[in-house]
Amino acid sequence: MRIAGLVGLFKGPPQDAVGPDGRMALADHFREFRARLLRCLLVFVVALAVALVFRHFLLDLVYGPYEDARAKLPEGTTTATTSGAGAGLLLWLTLCGFAAAIATAPYWLYQIWAFVLPGLYAQERKMSRIFVAVAGPLFLAGIVLGYVTLPVALEVLIGFNPEGVTNLIDFNDYLQFFTRTLFVFGLAFNIPVFVVLLNFAGVVKGSSLKAYRPWIIIGTFIFAAVATPSADPFSMTLMAVPMVLLFFASEAIARFNDRRRARRAPNAGLSPDELSSI
């Protein structure tokens, strides 16, 4: 009976009680949330078990940028360590848990989206679909770029140690540094998407983006300088240049959308003191 109940979780959407008016009782919302949460937990546990099987491959993947940086530094400059009797077990669980969370991200993000979707208007649903279709690939592109630049960042940061001083890096601290760096790169690539969504919502105009373009470019380079983990110009430029290009694309989309909106409603967006075209 319990196995049948678990299997039933993956057969179609969770049972809800949406009335003719499109509303659902609070208790039914909680039941649907519980069903979707159990789905996510089960998928995560399965992914965690698979990640534990391939744990050595995952370790090589995560540890690769550190080894590349270490190879370019003088011998004995840095060493990775763990501390505590259970540090080894914690290392594997943390590494595989992180990999499982990333691997199952499309599934649990879809569950969150499906839970929120019934409460959105038609225009909001359309915007959310566009965001999901564009933001996901851009986030992955940012992660890949962050992974490529990570060895350079590590080489610069570790290279600040005085000569003759060995840098001891705790692996758990390194894993946090690794995940934070990739997350920042992925999030940075999605900032232009939020700009486009704000334009579609009528909050930001394309003309305003054009007027403040020089300051936005300067702000982008400042953000890249602060967000990148190292102080080298290589990592900063690799983050800032794609962000500027994406901003140009978002500005072009925003201006096109403003012109399209103006053709459909010539008097839309006028203040009470402005004259209409009629």
Protein backbone atom coordinates (compact mmCIF):
# COMPACT_ATOMS: atom_id res chain seq x y z
CA MET A 1 0.00 0.00 0.00
CA ARG A 2 2.78 2.44 0.90
CA ILE A 3 4.72 1.59 -2.26
CA ALA A 4 1.60 2.18 -4.34
CA GLY A 5 1.17 5.53 -2.61
CA LEU A 6 4.75 6.54 -3.42
CA VAL A 7 4.33 5.48 -7.04
CA GLY A 8 1.11 7.47 -7.19
CA LEU A 9 3.02 10.65 -6.42
CA PHE A 10 4.58 10.51 -9.89
CA LYS A 11 1.34 9.88 -11.81
CA GLY A 12 0.19 13.25 -13.11
CA PRO A 13 -0.23 16.42 -11.07
CA PRO A 14 -1.12 16.19 -7.38
CA GLN A 15 -4.82 15.95 -6.68
CA ASP A 16 -6.29 19.34 -5.95
CA ALA A 17 -9.73 20.76 -5.44
CA VAL A 18 -9.93 23.75 -7.75
CA GLY A 19 -13.47 25.06 -7.86
CA PRO A 20 -15.32 26.47 -10.87
CA ASP A 21 -14.15 29.95 -9.91
CA GLY A 22 -10.51 28.86 -10.06
CA ARG A 23 -10.00 28.99 -6.29
CA MET A 24 -8.63 26.35 -3.96
CA ALA A 25 -9.08 25.89 -0.23
CA LEU A 26 -6.05 26.54 1.99
CA ALA A 27 -5.95 22.90 3.14
CA ASP A 28 -5.83 21.75 -0.50
CA HIS A 29 -2.93 24.14 -1.13
CA PHE A 30 -1.02 22.52 1.74
CA ARG A 31 -1.80 19.02 0.44
CA GLU A 32 -0.57 19.93 -3.03
CA PHE A 33 2.56 21.51 -1.56
CA ARG A 34 3.23 18.36 0.49
CA ALA A 35 2.83 16.14 -2.57
CA ARG A 36 5.23 18.23 -4.65
CA LEU A 37 7.73 18.41 -1.76
CA LEU A 38 7.70 14.61 -1.39
CA ARG A 39 8.31 14.27 -5.11
CA CYS A 40 11.34 16.56 -4.89
CA LEU A 41 12.73 14.71 -1.86
CA LEU A 42 12.38 11.31 -3.53
CA VAL A 43 14.07 12.50 -6.71
CA PHE A 44 16.84 14.12 -4.66
CA VAL A 45 17.48 10.89 -2.70
CA VAL A 46 17.74 8.89 -5.92
CA ALA A 47 20.10 11.47 -7.42
CA LEU A 48 22.18 11.45 -4.22
CA ALA A 49 22.56 7.67 -4.43
CA VAL A 50 23.69 7.93 -8.06
CA ALA A 51 26.11 10.75 -7.16
CA LEU A 52 27.67 8.59 -4.42
CA VAL A 53 28.37 5.91 -7.02
CA PHE A 54 30.20 8.45 -9.22
CA ARG A 55 31.73 10.36 -6.31
CA HIS A 56 35.32 10.05 -7.57
CA PHE A 57 34.39 11.52 -10.95
CA LEU A 58 32.61 14.40 -9.19
CA LEU A 59 35.64 14.99 -6.98
CA ASP A 60 37.89 15.25 -10.04
CA LEU A 61 35.43 17.67 -11.66
CA VAL A 62 35.23 19.98 -8.64
CA TYR A 63 38.89 19.61 -7.68
CA GLY A 64 40.12 20.20 -11.25
CA PRO A 65 40.33 24.03 -11.10
CA TYR A 66 42.31 23.81 -7.85
CA GLU A 67 44.74 21.30 -9.35
CA ASP A 68 45.20 23.49 -12.45
CA ALA A 69 45.99 26.50 -10.26
CA ARG A 70 48.27 24.47 -8.03
CA ALA A 71 50.29 23.24 -11.02
CA LYS A 72 51.16 26.83 -11.97
CA LEU A 73 52.28 27.79 -8.46
CA PRO A 74 55.63 26.94 -6.82
CA GLU A 75 55.71 23.50 -5.27
CA GLY A 76 54.63 23.50 -1.64
CA THR A 77 52.71 26.77 -1.90
CA THR A 78 49.33 25.23 -1.14
CA THR A 79 47.84 22.00 0.19
CA ALA A 80 44.23 20.85 0.55
CA THR A 81 43.28 19.37 3.91
CA THR A 82 40.36 18.09 5.96
CA SER A 83 40.02 18.16 9.73
CA GLY A 84 38.14 15.88 12.09
CA ALA A 85 37.41 12.15 12.25
CA GLY A 86 34.23 12.45 10.21
CA ALA A 87 35.57 14.99 7.74
CA GLY A 88 35.96 12.43 4.96
CA LEU A 89 32.33 11.30 5.22
CA LEU A 90 31.13 14.89 5.42
CA LEU A 91 33.22 15.71 2.35
CA TRP A 92 31.55 13.02 0.24
CA LEU A 93 28.04 13.83 1.48
CA THR A 94 28.50 17.56 0.86
CA LEU A 95 29.96 17.02 -2.60
CA CYS A 96 27.34 14.48 -3.69
CA GLY A 97 24.50 16.47 -2.11
CA PHE A 98 25.54 19.56 -4.05
CA ALA A 99 25.76 17.53 -7.27
CA ALA A 100 22.33 15.98 -6.64
CA ALA A 101 20.78 19.40 -6.00
CA ILE A 102 22.22 20.72 -9.28
CA ALA A 103 21.23 17.63 -11.27
CA THR A 104 17.64 17.71 -9.99
CA ALA A 105 17.30 21.50 -10.29
CA PRO A 106 15.15 21.35 -13.47
CA TYR A 107 12.72 19.01 -11.71
CA TRP A 108 12.30 20.87 -8.41
CA LEU A 109 12.25 24.25 -10.14
CA TYR A 110 9.45 22.92 -12.35
CA GLN A 111 7.56 21.77 -9.24
CA ILE A 112 7.84 25.26 -7.74
CA TRP A 113 6.72 26.82 -11.01
CA ALA A 114 3.79 24.38 -11.37
CA PHE A 115 2.68 25.15 -7.81
CA VAL A 116 2.67 28.92 -8.43
CA LEU A 117 1.36 28.81 -12.03
CA PRO A 118 -2.40 28.42 -11.29
CA GLY A 119 -2.37 31.70 -9.35
CA LEU A 120 -0.94 33.74 -12.24
CA TYR A 121 -2.80 35.73 -14.87
CA ALA A 122 -2.46 34.82 -18.56
CA GLN A 123 0.13 37.55 -19.23
CA GLU A 124 2.11 36.55 -16.14
CA ARG A 125 2.10 32.90 -17.28
CA LYS A 126 3.45 33.94 -20.66
CA MET A 127 6.23 35.99 -19.05
CA SER A 128 7.11 33.15 -16.69
CA ARG A 129 7.44 30.72 -19.61
CA ILE A 130 9.73 33.14 -21.44
CA PHE A 131 11.81 33.58 -18.28
CA VAL A 132 12.15 29.80 -17.79
CA ALA A 133 13.12 29.25 -21.45
CA VAL A 134 15.80 31.98 -21.46
CA ALA A 135 17.07 32.11 -17.87
CA GLY A 136 18.00 28.42 -17.65
CA PRO A 137 20.46 28.35 -20.59
CA LEU A 138 21.95 31.70 -19.57
CA PHE A 139 22.47 30.46 -16.01
CA LEU A 140 24.25 27.35 -17.30
CA ALA A 141 26.39 29.50 -19.61
CA GLY A 142 27.42 31.61 -16.63
CA ILE A 143 28.32 28.51 -14.63
CA VAL A 144 30.48 27.18 -17.48
CA LEU A 145 32.28 30.52 -17.80
CA GLY A 146 32.81 30.65 -14.05
CA TYR A 147 34.30 27.15 -14.10
CA VAL A 148 36.69 28.14 -16.89
CA THR A 149 37.93 31.25 -15.06
CA LEU A 150 38.15 29.61 -11.62
CA PRO A 151 41.74 28.29 -12.03
CA VAL A 152 42.98 31.81 -12.81
CA ALA A 153 41.14 33.23 -9.81
CA LEU A 154 42.60 30.56 -7.50
CA GLU A 155 46.09 31.10 -8.86
CA VAL A 156 45.88 34.85 -8.19
CA LEU A 157 44.38 34.50 -4.72
CA ILE A 158 46.76 31.80 -3.51
CA GLY A 159 49.66 33.66 -5.10
CA PHE A 160 49.25 36.49 -2.58
CA ASN A 161 50.75 34.26 0.13
CA PRO A 162 54.29 35.30 1.12
CA GLU A 163 57.17 33.19 -0.14
CA GLY A 164 57.81 30.16 2.03
CA VAL A 165 54.29 30.15 3.51
CA THR A 166 52.12 27.11 2.80
CA ASN A 167 48.45 27.81 2.19
CA LEU A 168 46.24 25.15 3.84
CA ILE A 169 42.84 24.97 2.16
CA ASP A 170 40.06 23.08 3.90
CA PHE A 171 38.11 21.19 1.27
CA ASN A 172 34.72 22.20 2.69
CA ASP A 173 35.78 25.86 2.50
CA TYR A 174 36.97 25.29 -1.05
CA LEU A 175 33.64 23.69 -2.00
CA GLN A 176 31.78 26.73 -0.64
CA PHE A 177 34.10 29.02 -2.60
CA PHE A 178 33.55 26.86 -5.71
CA THR A 179 29.74 26.89 -5.49
CA ARG A 180 29.57 30.61 -4.60
CA THR A 181 31.73 31.56 -7.58
CA LEU A 182 29.68 29.54 -10.07
CA PHE A 183 26.42 30.83 -8.61
CA VAL A 184 27.55 34.45 -8.94
CA PHE A 185 28.49 33.94 -12.58
CA GLY A 186 25.19 32.22 -13.34
CA LEU A 187 23.17 34.90 -11.57
CA ALA A 188 25.05 37.71 -13.30
CA PHE A 189 24.09 36.32 -16.70
CA ASN A 190 20.40 36.52 -15.74
CA ILE A 191 20.38 40.21 -14.78
CA PRO A 192 19.51 41.31 -18.37
CA VAL A 193 16.59 38.86 -18.33
CA PHE A 194 15.17 40.65 -15.29
CA VAL A 195 15.60 43.96 -17.14
CA VAL A 196 13.51 42.64 -20.05
CA LEU A 197 10.84 41.35 -17.67
CA LEU A 198 10.66 44.75 -15.98
CA ASN A 199 10.20 46.34 -19.39
CA PHE A 200 7.41 43.93 -20.30
CA ALA A 201 5.78 44.76 -16.98
CA GLY A 202 5.96 48.48 -17.81
CA VAL A 203 8.39 49.37 -15.04
CA VAL A 204 11.47 50.18 -17.18
CA LYS A 205 11.46 51.84 -20.61
CA GLY A 206 13.95 51.24 -23.40
CA SER A 207 14.57 54.97 -23.69
CA SER A 208 15.64 55.07 -20.04
CA LEU A 209 18.09 52.22 -20.64
CA LYS A 210 19.56 54.13 -23.59
CA ALA A 211 19.87 57.35 -21.58
CA TYR A 212 21.68 55.63 -18.70
CA ARG A 213 23.71 53.26 -20.90
CA PRO A 214 27.20 54.67 -20.01
CA TRP A 215 26.47 54.49 -16.30
CA ILE A 216 25.06 50.97 -16.64
CA ILE A 217 28.23 49.83 -18.43
CA ILE A 218 30.41 51.36 -15.72
CA GLY A 219 28.21 49.78 -13.06
CA THR A 220 28.52 46.41 -14.81
CA PHE A 221 32.32 46.51 -14.64
CA ILE A 222 32.17 47.59 -10.99
CA PHE A 223 29.79 44.71 -10.23
CA ALA A 224 32.11 42.28 -12.03
CA ALA A 225 35.10 43.57 -10.08
CA VAL A 226 33.29 43.08 -6.77
CA ALA A 227 31.59 39.78 -7.65
CA THR A 228 34.61 37.94 -9.03
CA PRO A 229 36.56 36.18 -6.28
CA SER A 230 39.97 37.37 -7.45
CA ALA A 231 41.37 40.81 -8.16
CA ASP A 232 42.74 39.96 -11.61
CA PRO A 233 41.36 41.85 -14.62
CA PHE A 234 41.04 38.62 -16.64
CA SER A 235 38.17 37.18 -14.55
CA MET A 236 36.51 40.59 -14.25
CA THR A 237 36.59 41.15 -18.01
CA LEU A 238 35.29 37.66 -18.78
CA MET A 239 32.27 38.37 -16.60
CA ALA A 240 31.71 42.02 -17.56
CA VAL A 241 31.95 41.77 -21.36
CA PRO A 242 29.23 39.10 -21.78
CA MET A 243 27.03 41.03 -19.32
CA VAL A 244 27.44 44.22 -21.37
CA LEU A 245 26.58 42.37 -24.58
CA LEU A 246 23.52 40.85 -22.92
CA PHE A 247 22.54 44.32 -21.71
CA PHE A 248 22.73 45.62 -25.29
CA ALA A 249 20.46 42.76 -26.35
CA SER A 250 18.01 43.48 -23.51
CA GLU A 251 18.00 47.19 -24.40
CA ALA A 252 17.22 46.36 -28.05
CA ILE A 253 14.38 44.06 -26.97
CA ALA A 254 13.02 46.69 -24.58
CA ARG A 255 13.04 49.44 -27.24
CA PHE A 256 11.39 47.12 -29.77
CA ASN A 257 8.72 46.24 -27.21
CA ASP A 258 8.13 49.94 -26.45
CA ARG A 259 7.62 50.69 -30.17
CA ARG A 260 5.26 47.74 -30.52
CA ARG A 261 3.32 48.87 -27.47
CA ALA A 262 3.16 52.45 -28.78
CA ARG A 263 1.71 51.28 -32.11
CA ARG A 264 -1.00 49.31 -30.34
CA ALA A 265 -1.85 52.06 -27.83
CA PRO A 266 -0.40 55.44 -28.90
CA ASN A 267 -1.50 57.19 -25.69
CA ALA A 268 -0.30 54.51 -23.28
CA GLY A 269 2.15 55.69 -20.65
CA LEU A 270 1.29 59.41 -20.88
CA SER A 271 1.16 61.39 -17.69
CA PRO A 272 -2.01 63.39 -16.84
CA ASP A 273 -0.25 66.61 -17.95
CA GLU A 274 0.78 65.32 -21.41
CA LEU A 275 -1.30 65.80 -24.57
CA SER A 276 -2.53 62.73 -26.35
CA SER A 277 -2.19 62.21 -30.11
CA ILE A 278 -5.99 62.33 -30.53
